[in-house]
C-alpha atoms as a PDB file:
ATOM      1  CA  UNK A   1       0.159   0.071  -0.021  1.00  0.00           C
ATOM      2  CA  UNK A   2       1.319   3.341  -0.747  1.00  0.00           C
ATOM      3  CA  UNK A   3       1.366   6.502   1.524  1.00  0.00           C
ATOM      4  CA  UNK A   4      -2.141   7.843  -0.025  1.00  0.00           C
ATOM      5  CA  UNK A   5      -3.646   4.403   0.570  1.00  0.00           C
ATOM      6  CA  UNK A   6      -2.177   4.444   4.257  1.00  0.00           C
ATOM      7  CA  UNK A   7      -3.822   7.834   4.822  1.00  0.00           C
ATOM      8  CA  UNK A   8      -7.104   6.531   3.675  1.00  0.00           C
ATOM      9  CA  UNK A   9      -6.927   3.048   5.603  1.00  0.00           C
ATOM     10  CA  UNK A  10      -6.288   5.201   8.722  1.00  0.00           C
ATOM     11  CA  UNK A  11      -9.350   7.502   7.970  1.00  0.00           C
ATOM     12  CA  UNK A  12     -11.775   4.578   7.362  1.00  0.00           C
ATOM     13  CA  UNK A  13     -10.693   3.116  10.759  1.00  0.00           C
ATOM     14  CA  UNK A  14     -11.055   6.524  12.463  1.00  0.00           C
ATOM     15  CA  UNK A  15     -14.423   7.007  11.093  1.00  0.00           C
ATOM     16  CA  UNK A  16     -15.807   3.680  11.968  1.00  0.00           C
ATOM     17  CA  UNK A  17     -14.465   4.124  15.588  1.00  0.00           C
ATOM     18  CA  UNK A  18     -16.029   7.716  15.893  1.00  0.00           C
ATOM     19  CA  UNK A  19     -19.323   6.719  14.380  1.00  0.00           C
ATOM     20  CA  UNK A  20     -19.842   3.976  16.960  1.00  0.00           C
ATOM     21  CA  UNK A  21     -22.362   2.298  14.649  1.00  0.00           C
ATOM     22  CA  UNK A  22     -22.117   0.547  11.279  1.00  0.00           C
ATOM     23  CA  UNK A  23     -21.573   2.729   8.227  1.00  0.00           C
ATOM     24  CA  UNK A  24     -22.641   1.692   4.758  1.00  0.00           C
ATOM     25  CA  UNK A  25     -19.876   1.783   1.925  1.00  0.00           C
ATOM     26  CA  UNK A  26     -21.554   4.957   0.221  1.00  0.00           C
ATOM     27  CA  UNK A  27     -21.299   6.868   3.705  1.00  0.00           C
ATOM     28  CA  UNK A  28     -17.655   5.834   4.097  1.00  0.00           C
ATOM     29  CA  UNK A  29     -17.049   7.088   0.506  1.00  0.00           C
ATOM     30  CA  UNK A  30     -18.756  10.334   1.016  1.00  0.00           C
ATOM     31  CA  UNK A  31     -16.843  10.905   4.301  1.00  0.00           C
ATOM     32  CA  UNK A  32     -13.684  10.170   2.360  1.00  0.00           C
ATOM     33  CA  UNK A  33     -14.616  12.433  -0.544  1.00  0.00           C
ATOM     34  CA  UNK A  34     -15.450  15.306   1.908  1.00  0.00           C
ATOM     35  CA  UNK A  35     -11.865  15.254   3.420  1.00  0.00           C
ATOM     36  CA  UNK A  36     -10.486  15.868  -0.142  1.00  0.00           C
ATOM     37  CA  UNK A  37      -8.450  12.655  -0.134  1.00  0.00           C
ATOM     38  CA  UNK A  38      -7.843  11.124  -3.482  1.00  0.00           C
ATOM     39  CA  UNK A  39      -8.411   7.566  -3.410  1.00  0.00           C
ATOM     40  CA  UNK A  40      -6.449   5.632  -6.158  1.00  0.00           C
ATOM     41  CA  UNK A  41      -8.740   2.581  -5.711  1.00  0.00           C
ATOM     42  CA  UNK A  42     -12.270   2.770  -4.432  1.00  0.00           C
ATOM     43  CA  UNK A  43     -12.933   2.873  -0.663  1.00  0.00           C
ATOM     44  CA  UNK A  44     -14.745  -0.300  -1.218  1.00  0.00           C
ATOM     45  CA  UNK A  45     -11.674  -2.244  -2.147  1.00  0.00           C
ATOM     46  CA  UNK A  46      -9.862  -0.720   1.080  1.00  0.00           C
ATOM     47  CA  UNK A  47     -12.938  -2.015   3.026  1.00  0.00           C
ATOM     48  CA  UNK A  48     -12.668  -5.386   1.800  1.00  0.00           C
ATOM     49  CA  UNK A  49      -8.953  -5.583   2.193  1.00  0.00           C
ATOM     50  CA  UNK A  50      -9.417  -4.576   5.867  1.00  0.00           C
ATOM     51  CA  UNK A  51     -12.174  -7.018   6.499  1.00  0.00           C
ATOM     52  CA  UNK A  52     -10.083 -10.021   5.005  1.00  0.00           C
ATOM     53  CA  UNK A  53      -7.252  -8.924   7.365  1.00  0.00           C
ATOM     54  CA  UNK A  54      -9.658  -8.827  10.345  1.00  0.00           C
ATOM     55  CA  UNK A  55      -9.188  -5.139  11.246  1.00  0.00           C
ATOM     56  CA  UNK A  56     -12.708  -4.479  10.551  1.00  0.00           C
ATOM     57  CA  UNK A  57     -15.974  -6.485  10.074  1.00  0.00           C
ATOM     58  CA  UNK A  58     -18.463  -6.080   7.155  1.00  0.00           C
ATOM     59  CA  UNK A  59     -21.577  -7.680   6.210  1.00  0.00           C
ATOM     60  CA  UNK A  60     -24.394  -7.432   3.777  1.00  0.00           C
ATOM     61  CA  UNK A  61     -27.410  -5.562   5.085  1.00  0.00           C
ATOM     62  CA  UNK A  62     -30.785  -6.424   3.537  1.00  0.00           C
ATOM     63  CA  UNK A  63     -32.116  -3.501   5.348  1.00  0.00           C
ATOM     64  CA  UNK A  64     -29.674  -0.856   3.873  1.00  0.00           C
ATOM     65  CA  UNK A  65     -29.327  -2.794   0.763  1.00  0.00           C
ATOM     66  CA  UNK A  66     -25.644  -2.563   1.018  1.00  0.00           C
ATOM     67  CA  UNK A  67     -22.691  -3.666   2.717  1.00  0.00           C
ATOM     68  CA  UNK A  68     -22.298  -2.150   6.170  1.00  0.00           C
ATOM     69  CA  UNK A  69     -18.918  -1.929   7.969  1.00  0.00           C
ATOM     70  CA  UNK A  70     -18.029  -1.646  11.713  1.00  0.00           C
ATOM     71  CA  UNK A  71     -15.203  -2.221  14.198  1.00  0.00           C
END
């Protein structure tokens, strides 16, 4: 992962901790964009990588009709 990727990963983790509740992929993407961070890959890719490493958890929410992410 490059420096930009590391910053985005750290921001994703920070967002999920601060939220204190599950966030959808779209909510996380919106927050990353608000911060003006340029994402070489979509945040969804980072989210899945973090999930596979066991850093965060994610599951498909039928209610939200989207993946939700949490710590």
